[in-house]
């Protein structure tokens, strides 16, 4: 449909939005997020991988990366630079990319 395209927010606007969202909603993790993380960890245990390289996309403040390091090398990426700074202090042994 011609003429119905929306302008996407700039990368800077997206970063500001996600920084705000993460600071608001990741202070106390919703039980559903914790359950999803626990499910992912259970599945990783079943795979019995030897030192996998793990990429967590949208890692926010690194709460799940902190648990993933038991399996192997972890890299976390997120657009929210404030959250990445928090993740780096939470899990200094992990590589984080904005």
N, C-alpha and C. Protein backbone atom coordinates (compact mmCIF):
# COMPACT_ATOMS: atom_id res chain seq x y z
N UNK A 1 0.84 -1.17 0.00
CA UNK A 1 0.00 0.00 0.00
C UNK A 1 0.88 1.23 0.00
N UNK A 2 0.81 1.93 -1.06
CA UNK A 2 1.65 3.10 -1.24
C UNK A 2 1.28 4.20 -0.24
N UNK A 3 2.32 4.81 0.36
CA UNK A 3 2.09 5.93 1.25
C UNK A 3 1.81 5.55 2.70
N UNK A 4 1.90 4.27 3.05
CA UNK A 4 1.60 3.85 4.41
C UNK A 4 2.84 3.40 5.17
N UNK A 5 3.99 3.88 4.76
CA UNK A 5 5.22 3.50 5.43
C UNK A 5 5.44 4.40 6.64
N UNK A 6 5.91 3.80 7.71
CA UNK A 6 6.23 4.57 8.90
C UNK A 6 7.73 4.80 8.94
N UNK A 7 8.12 5.93 9.47
CA UNK A 7 9.53 6.21 9.65
C UNK A 7 9.99 5.49 10.92
N UNK A 8 11.05 4.72 10.80
CA UNK A 8 11.60 4.03 11.96
C UNK A 8 12.34 5.02 12.85
N UNK A 9 12.31 4.79 14.15
CA UNK A 9 13.10 5.64 15.04
C UNK A 9 14.58 5.49 14.70
N UNK A 10 15.33 6.53 14.92
CA UNK A 10 16.77 6.48 14.68
C UNK A 10 17.41 5.50 15.66
N UNK A 11 18.61 5.02 15.36
CA UNK A 11 19.30 4.14 16.32
C UNK A 11 19.45 4.80 17.69
N UNK A 12 19.69 6.10 17.71
CA UNK A 12 19.82 6.81 18.99
C UNK A 12 18.51 6.81 19.76
N UNK A 13 17.40 7.02 19.06
CA UNK A 13 16.09 6.99 19.72
C UNK A 13 15.77 5.59 20.24
N UNK A 14 16.13 4.58 19.46
CA UNK A 14 15.90 3.20 19.90
C UNK A 14 16.73 2.90 21.14
N UNK A 15 17.97 3.36 21.13
CA UNK A 15 18.84 3.13 22.28
C UNK A 15 18.28 3.78 23.54
N UNK A 16 17.82 5.02 23.42
CA UNK A 16 17.22 5.71 24.57
C UNK A 16 16.00 4.96 25.08
N UNK A 17 15.15 4.49 24.15
CA UNK A 17 13.94 3.78 24.54
C UNK A 17 14.29 2.50 25.29
N UNK A 18 15.24 1.72 24.75
CA UNK A 18 15.60 0.46 25.40
C UNK A 18 16.33 0.68 26.72
N UNK A 19 17.15 1.72 26.80
CA UNK A 19 17.77 2.04 28.10
C UNK A 19 16.69 2.30 29.15
N UNK A 20 15.69 3.09 28.78
CA UNK A 20 14.61 3.40 29.71
C UNK A 20 13.81 2.14 30.06
N UNK A 21 13.47 1.34 29.05
CA UNK A 21 12.69 0.13 29.29
C UNK A 21 13.43 -0.82 30.23
N UNK A 22 14.72 -1.04 29.94
CA UNK A 22 15.50 -1.96 30.78
C UNK A 22 15.62 -1.45 32.21
N UNK A 23 15.84 -0.16 32.38
CA UNK A 23 15.96 0.39 33.72
C UNK A 23 14.64 0.29 34.49
N UNK A 24 13.54 0.35 33.77
CA UNK A 24 12.21 0.28 34.40
C UNK A 24 11.81 -1.16 34.70
N UNK A 25 11.99 -2.06 33.75
CA UNK A 25 11.40 -3.39 33.87
C UNK A 25 12.38 -4.50 34.25
N UNK A 26 13.67 -4.25 34.23
CA UNK A 26 14.60 -5.33 34.59
C UNK A 26 15.09 -5.23 36.03
N UNK A 27 14.60 -4.27 36.77
CA UNK A 27 14.97 -4.19 38.18
C UNK A 27 14.48 -5.42 38.92
N UNK A 28 13.24 -5.81 38.66
CA UNK A 28 12.66 -7.03 39.22
C UNK A 28 12.19 -7.86 38.04
N UNK A 29 12.89 -8.94 37.77
CA UNK A 29 12.56 -9.77 36.62
C UNK A 29 11.18 -10.39 36.78
N UNK A 30 10.42 -10.34 35.72
CA UNK A 30 9.11 -10.98 35.69
C UNK A 30 9.33 -12.49 35.78
N UNK A 31 8.50 -13.18 36.55
CA UNK A 31 8.67 -14.64 36.70
C UNK A 31 8.70 -15.40 35.37
N UNK A 32 7.99 -14.89 34.37
CA UNK A 32 7.99 -15.54 33.06
C UNK A 32 9.37 -15.49 32.42
N UNK A 33 10.06 -14.35 32.56
CA UNK A 33 11.43 -14.22 32.02
C UNK A 33 12.37 -15.20 32.72
N UNK A 34 12.24 -15.30 34.04
CA UNK A 34 13.08 -16.24 34.80
C UNK A 34 12.80 -17.66 34.34
N UNK A 35 11.52 -18.00 34.14
CA UNK A 35 11.16 -19.34 33.67
C UNK A 35 11.74 -19.63 32.30
N UNK A 36 11.68 -18.64 31.41
CA UNK A 36 12.26 -18.81 30.07
C UNK A 36 13.77 -19.04 30.15
N UNK A 37 14.43 -18.27 31.00
CA UNK A 37 15.87 -18.45 31.18
C UNK A 37 16.20 -19.82 31.74
N UNK A 38 15.44 -20.25 32.73
CA UNK A 38 15.65 -21.58 33.32
C UNK A 38 15.43 -22.69 32.28
N UNK A 39 14.45 -22.50 31.41
CA UNK A 39 14.19 -23.47 30.35
C UNK A 39 15.37 -23.56 29.39
N UNK A 40 15.90 -22.40 29.01
CA UNK A 40 17.07 -22.39 28.11
C UNK A 40 18.26 -23.08 28.77
N UNK A 41 18.47 -22.82 30.05
CA UNK A 41 19.58 -23.46 30.76
C UNK A 41 19.38 -24.97 30.83
N UNK A 42 18.16 -25.42 31.07
CA UNK A 42 17.87 -26.87 31.11
C UNK A 42 18.16 -27.52 29.77
N UNK A 43 17.76 -26.85 28.69
CA UNK A 43 18.02 -27.39 27.36
C UNK A 43 19.51 -27.47 27.07
N UNK A 44 20.25 -26.46 27.49
CA UNK A 44 21.71 -26.49 27.29
C UNK A 44 22.34 -27.65 28.04
N UNK A 45 21.86 -27.90 29.24
CA UNK A 45 22.39 -29.03 30.02
C UNK A 45 22.13 -30.36 29.29
N UNK A 46 20.96 -30.50 28.70
CA UNK A 46 20.63 -31.73 27.97
C UNK A 46 21.51 -31.94 26.75
N UNK A 47 21.97 -30.86 26.14
CA UNK A 47 22.81 -30.97 24.95
C UNK A 47 24.20 -31.50 25.26
N UNK A 48 24.65 -31.32 26.50
CA UNK A 48 25.96 -31.82 26.93
C UNK A 48 27.09 -31.37 26.00
N UNK A 49 27.07 -30.09 25.64
CA UNK A 49 28.09 -29.53 24.75
C UNK A 49 29.39 -29.31 25.51
N UNK A 50 30.49 -29.37 24.78
CA UNK A 50 31.81 -29.14 25.39
C UNK A 50 32.30 -27.75 25.00
N UNK A 51 32.26 -26.85 25.94
CA UNK A 51 32.74 -25.48 25.77
C UNK A 51 32.16 -24.77 24.53
N UNK A 52 30.84 -24.66 24.44
CA UNK A 52 30.25 -23.96 23.29
C UNK A 52 30.54 -22.46 23.37
N UNK A 53 30.44 -21.82 22.23
CA UNK A 53 30.49 -20.36 22.18
C UNK A 53 29.05 -19.90 22.05
N UNK A 54 28.61 -19.11 23.02
CA UNK A 54 27.20 -18.73 23.12
C UNK A 54 27.04 -17.25 22.83
N UNK A 55 26.07 -16.91 22.00
CA UNK A 55 25.72 -15.52 21.71
C UNK A 55 24.33 -15.27 22.25
N UNK A 56 24.21 -14.31 23.16
CA UNK A 56 22.89 -13.91 23.63
C UNK A 56 22.56 -12.57 23.02
N UNK A 57 21.56 -12.56 22.15
CA UNK A 57 21.11 -11.35 21.48
C UNK A 57 20.03 -10.71 22.33
N UNK A 58 20.21 -9.43 22.63
CA UNK A 58 19.26 -8.73 23.49
C UNK A 58 19.49 -9.09 24.94
N UNK A 59 20.75 -9.09 25.36
CA UNK A 59 21.13 -9.58 26.68
C UNK A 59 20.79 -8.63 27.82
N UNK A 60 20.43 -7.39 27.49
CA UNK A 60 20.06 -6.40 28.51
C UNK A 60 21.17 -6.27 29.55
N UNK A 61 20.84 -6.44 30.83
CA UNK A 61 21.83 -6.24 31.89
C UNK A 61 22.66 -7.48 32.21
N UNK A 62 22.57 -8.49 31.36
CA UNK A 62 23.42 -9.68 31.53
C UNK A 62 22.94 -10.69 32.54
N UNK A 63 21.69 -10.60 32.97
CA UNK A 63 21.21 -11.52 34.01
C UNK A 63 21.28 -12.97 33.56
N UNK A 64 21.01 -13.23 32.28
CA UNK A 64 21.10 -14.61 31.80
C UNK A 64 22.54 -14.98 31.43
N UNK A 65 23.29 -14.03 30.89
CA UNK A 65 24.71 -14.29 30.58
C UNK A 65 25.45 -14.77 31.82
N UNK A 66 25.09 -14.20 32.95
CA UNK A 66 25.72 -14.57 34.21
C UNK A 66 25.57 -16.07 34.47
N UNK A 67 24.47 -16.66 34.04
CA UNK A 67 24.23 -18.09 34.22
C UNK A 67 24.78 -18.92 33.06
N UNK A 68 24.85 -18.32 31.89
CA UNK A 68 25.32 -19.05 30.71
C UNK A 68 26.82 -19.34 30.75
N UNK A 69 27.58 -18.56 31.50
CA UNK A 69 29.04 -18.75 31.52
C UNK A 69 29.45 -20.11 32.07
N UNK A 70 28.56 -20.79 32.77
CA UNK A 70 28.90 -22.14 33.26
C UNK A 70 29.06 -23.13 32.11
N UNK A 71 28.54 -22.80 30.93
CA UNK A 71 28.59 -23.71 29.79
C UNK A 71 29.77 -23.44 28.87
N UNK A 72 30.21 -22.19 28.77
CA UNK A 72 31.29 -21.85 27.85
C UNK A 72 31.42 -20.35 27.69
N UNK A 73 32.12 -19.95 26.63
CA UNK A 73 32.35 -18.53 26.37
C UNK A 73 31.05 -17.88 25.91
N UNK A 74 30.73 -16.73 26.49
CA UNK A 74 29.49 -16.03 26.19
C UNK A 74 29.80 -14.64 25.65
N UNK A 75 29.07 -14.25 24.62
CA UNK A 75 29.08 -12.87 24.13
C UNK A 75 27.64 -12.38 24.20
N UNK A 76 27.45 -11.24 24.82
CA UNK A 76 26.12 -10.65 24.89
C UNK A 76 26.09 -9.37 24.08
N UNK A 77 24.99 -9.16 23.35
CA UNK A 77 24.85 -7.92 22.60
C UNK A 77 23.49 -7.30 22.90
N UNK A 78 23.47 -5.97 22.90
CA UNK A 78 22.24 -5.23 23.14
C UNK A 78 22.44 -3.81 22.65
N UNK A 79 21.35 -3.16 22.25
CA UNK A 79 21.41 -1.77 21.81
C UNK A 79 21.49 -0.80 22.99
N UNK A 80 21.07 -1.25 24.17
CA UNK A 80 21.01 -0.38 25.34
C UNK A 80 22.37 -0.29 26.02
N UNK A 81 23.07 0.81 25.79
CA UNK A 81 24.42 0.95 26.32
C UNK A 81 24.47 1.02 27.85
N UNK A 82 23.45 1.58 28.48
CA UNK A 82 23.42 1.62 29.94
C UNK A 82 23.31 0.20 30.50
N UNK A 83 22.49 -0.62 29.88
CA UNK A 83 22.35 -2.01 30.30
C UNK A 83 23.63 -2.80 30.08
N UNK A 84 24.30 -2.53 28.97
CA UNK A 84 25.57 -3.22 28.70
C UNK A 84 26.62 -2.84 29.76
N UNK A 85 26.64 -1.59 30.17
CA UNK A 85 27.57 -1.18 31.23
C UNK A 85 27.28 -1.95 32.51
N UNK A 86 26.01 -2.13 32.83
CA UNK A 86 25.63 -2.91 34.00
C UNK A 86 26.03 -4.38 33.83
N UNK A 87 25.82 -4.91 32.62
CA UNK A 87 26.19 -6.30 32.35
C UNK A 87 27.69 -6.52 32.51
N UNK A 88 28.48 -5.56 32.02
CA UNK A 88 29.94 -5.69 32.14
C UNK A 88 30.39 -5.73 33.59
N UNK A 89 29.73 -4.99 34.45
CA UNK A 89 30.12 -5.04 35.87
C UNK A 89 29.58 -6.30 36.54
N UNK A 90 28.46 -6.81 36.05
CA UNK A 90 27.86 -8.03 36.60
C UNK A 90 28.68 -9.27 36.23
N UNK A 91 29.14 -9.33 34.98
CA UNK A 91 29.86 -10.51 34.48
C UNK A 91 31.12 -10.05 33.74
N UNK A 92 32.14 -9.63 34.48
CA UNK A 92 33.33 -9.07 33.83
C UNK A 92 34.08 -10.03 32.92
N UNK A 93 33.88 -11.32 33.09
CA UNK A 93 34.57 -12.30 32.25
C UNK A 93 33.91 -12.49 30.89
N UNK A 94 32.80 -11.82 30.68
CA UNK A 94 32.03 -11.99 29.44
C UNK A 94 32.23 -10.79 28.52
N UNK A 95 32.21 -11.07 27.23
CA UNK A 95 32.33 -10.01 26.23
C UNK A 95 30.93 -9.45 25.93
N UNK A 96 30.79 -8.13 26.02
CA UNK A 96 29.53 -7.48 25.73
C UNK A 96 29.75 -6.43 24.64
N UNK A 97 28.79 -6.36 23.73
CA UNK A 97 28.88 -5.43 22.59
C UNK A 97 27.60 -4.62 22.51
N UNK A 98 27.76 -3.31 22.33
CA UNK A 98 26.60 -2.43 22.10
C UNK A 98 26.39 -2.36 20.60
